[in-house]
Amino acid sequence: MKSKINRDTCIACGNCYAICPEVYDCDNDGIAYCSLDNNTMTKDIDLTLYKSVVDAFECCPTNSVVLENN
């Protein structure tokens, strides 16, 4: 699984990086991004983080968390 944040729709609510700080972080404005690969969706997420990433996806109020299954 790979992930990124649609930074155009992110409202900086903080849900994703609160739920899964191993994968998501935010910039100085609070806009989230996938810290594993600088939001490029090029690195696979470790399977041990799968549940947290899915939780972040489901809790995003603007559907800005993007997931892609390999």
C-alpha atoms as a PDB file:
ATOM      1  CA  MET A   1       0.000   0.000   0.000  1.00  0.00           C
ATOM      2  CA  LYS A   2       1.110   3.543  -0.774  1.00  0.00           C
ATOM      3  CA  SER A   3      -0.331   6.820   0.397  1.00  0.00           C
ATOM      4  CA  LYS A   4      -0.196  10.553  -0.087  1.00  0.00           C
ATOM      5  CA  ILE A   5      -2.216  13.569   0.961  1.00  0.00           C
ATOM      6  CA  ASN A   6      -4.111  15.716  -1.506  1.00  0.00           C
ATOM      7  CA  ARG A   7      -2.651  18.975  -0.242  1.00  0.00           C
ATOM      8  CA  ASP A   8      -5.135  21.024  -2.291  1.00  0.00           C
ATOM      9  CA  THR A   9      -8.072  19.736  -0.249  1.00  0.00           C
ATOM     10  CA  CYS A  10      -6.368  19.245   3.148  1.00  0.00           C
ATOM     11  CA  ILE A  11      -7.814  21.592   5.794  1.00  0.00           C
ATOM     12  CA  ALA A  12      -5.060  20.966   8.373  1.00  0.00           C
ATOM     13  CA  CYS A  13      -7.365  19.238  10.841  1.00  0.00           C
ATOM     14  CA  GLY A  14      -4.507  17.033  12.028  1.00  0.00           C
ATOM     15  CA  ASN A  15      -6.402  13.743  12.113  1.00  0.00           C
ATOM     16  CA  CYS A  16      -4.017  11.817   9.862  1.00  0.00           C
ATOM     17  CA  TYR A  17      -0.804  12.710  11.629  1.00  0.00           C
ATOM     18  CA  ALA A  18      -2.437  12.318  15.044  1.00  0.00           C
ATOM     19  CA  ILE A  19      -3.611   8.813  14.109  1.00  0.00           C
ATOM     20  CA  CYS A  20      -0.494   7.696  12.223  1.00  0.00           C
ATOM     21  CA  PRO A  21       2.553   9.896  12.916  1.00  0.00           C
ATOM     22  CA  GLU A  22       4.815   7.180  11.504  1.00  0.00           C
ATOM     23  CA  VAL A  23       3.454   7.943   8.027  1.00  0.00           C
ATOM     24  CA  TYR A  24       2.005  11.472   8.077  1.00  0.00           C
ATOM     25  CA  ASP A  25       3.345  14.830   9.171  1.00  0.00           C
ATOM     26  CA  CYS A  26       2.533  18.470   8.494  1.00  0.00           C
ATOM     27  CA  ASP A  27       4.293  21.543   7.223  1.00  0.00           C
ATOM     28  CA  ASN A  28       4.470  24.883   9.049  1.00  0.00           C
ATOM     29  CA  ASP A  29       0.929  25.710   7.923  1.00  0.00           C
ATOM     30  CA  GLY A  30      -0.458  22.435   9.272  1.00  0.00           C
ATOM     31  CA  ILE A  31      -1.061  20.973   5.813  1.00  0.00           C
ATOM     32  CA  ALA A  32      -0.391  17.243   5.919  1.00  0.00           C
ATOM     33  CA  TYR A  33       1.845  15.131   3.726  1.00  0.00           C
ATOM     34  CA  CYS A  34       3.171  11.582   3.653  1.00  0.00           C
ATOM     35  CA  SER A  35       6.543  11.829   5.358  1.00  0.00           C
ATOM     36  CA  LEU A  36       7.761   8.419   4.158  1.00  0.00           C
ATOM     37  CA  ASP A  37       8.446   9.676   0.648  1.00  0.00           C
ATOM     38  CA  ASN A  38       7.744  13.404   0.754  1.00  0.00           C
ATOM     39  CA  ASN A  39       4.212  12.832  -0.555  1.00  0.00           C
ATOM     40  CA  THR A  40       5.375  11.254  -3.830  1.00  0.00           C
ATOM     41  CA  MET A  41       3.568   7.935  -3.313  1.00  0.00           C
ATOM     42  CA  THR A  42       6.713   5.998  -4.205  1.00  0.00           C
ATOM     43  CA  LYS A  43       7.367   3.973  -1.029  1.00  0.00           C
ATOM     44  CA  ASP A  44       5.340   1.093   0.308  1.00  0.00           C
ATOM     45  CA  ILE A  45       3.923   1.460   3.800  1.00  0.00           C
ATOM     46  CA  ASP A  46       4.968  -1.211   6.259  1.00  0.00           C
ATOM     47  CA  LEU A  47       2.186  -3.753   6.805  1.00  0.00           C
ATOM     48  CA  THR A  48       2.307  -3.171  10.563  1.00  0.00           C
ATOM     49  CA  LEU A  49       0.963   0.348   9.918  1.00  0.00           C
ATOM     50  CA  TYR A  50      -1.891  -0.758   7.648  1.00  0.00           C
ATOM     51  CA  LYS A  51      -4.649  -0.342  10.275  1.00  0.00           C
ATOM     52  CA  SER A  52      -3.452   3.119  11.306  1.00  0.00           C
ATOM     53  CA  VAL A  53      -3.244   4.294   7.698  1.00  0.00           C
ATOM     54  CA  VAL A  54      -6.760   3.016   6.970  1.00  0.00           C
ATOM     55  CA  ASP A  55      -8.009   4.728  10.147  1.00  0.00           C
ATOM     56  CA  ALA A  56      -6.423   7.990   8.986  1.00  0.00           C
ATOM     57  CA  PHE A  57      -8.069   7.551   5.582  1.00  0.00           C
ATOM     58  CA  GLU A  58     -11.476   6.954   7.161  1.00  0.00           C
ATOM     59  CA  CYS A  59     -11.172   9.885   9.599  1.00  0.00           C
ATOM     60  CA  CYS A  60     -10.204  12.525   7.048  1.00  0.00           C
ATOM     61  CA  PRO A  61     -13.154  14.952   6.790  1.00  0.00           C
ATOM     62  CA  THR A  62     -12.168  16.086   3.285  1.00  0.00           C
ATOM     63  CA  ASN A  63     -11.110  12.699   1.846  1.00  0.00           C
ATOM     64  CA  SER A  64      -7.609  14.081   1.341  1.00  0.00           C
ATOM     65  CA  VAL A  65      -5.833  10.878   2.381  1.00  0.00           C
ATOM     66  CA  VAL A  66      -5.153   8.917  -0.805  1.00  0.00           C
ATOM     67  CA  LEU A  67      -4.452   5.183  -0.655  1.00  0.00           C
ATOM     68  CA  GLU A  68      -3.255   2.885  -3.401  1.00  0.00           C
ATOM     69  CA  ASN A  69      -3.036  -0.880  -3.055  1.00  0.00           C
ATOM     70  CA  ASN A  70      -0.181  -2.595  -4.825  1.00  0.00           C
END
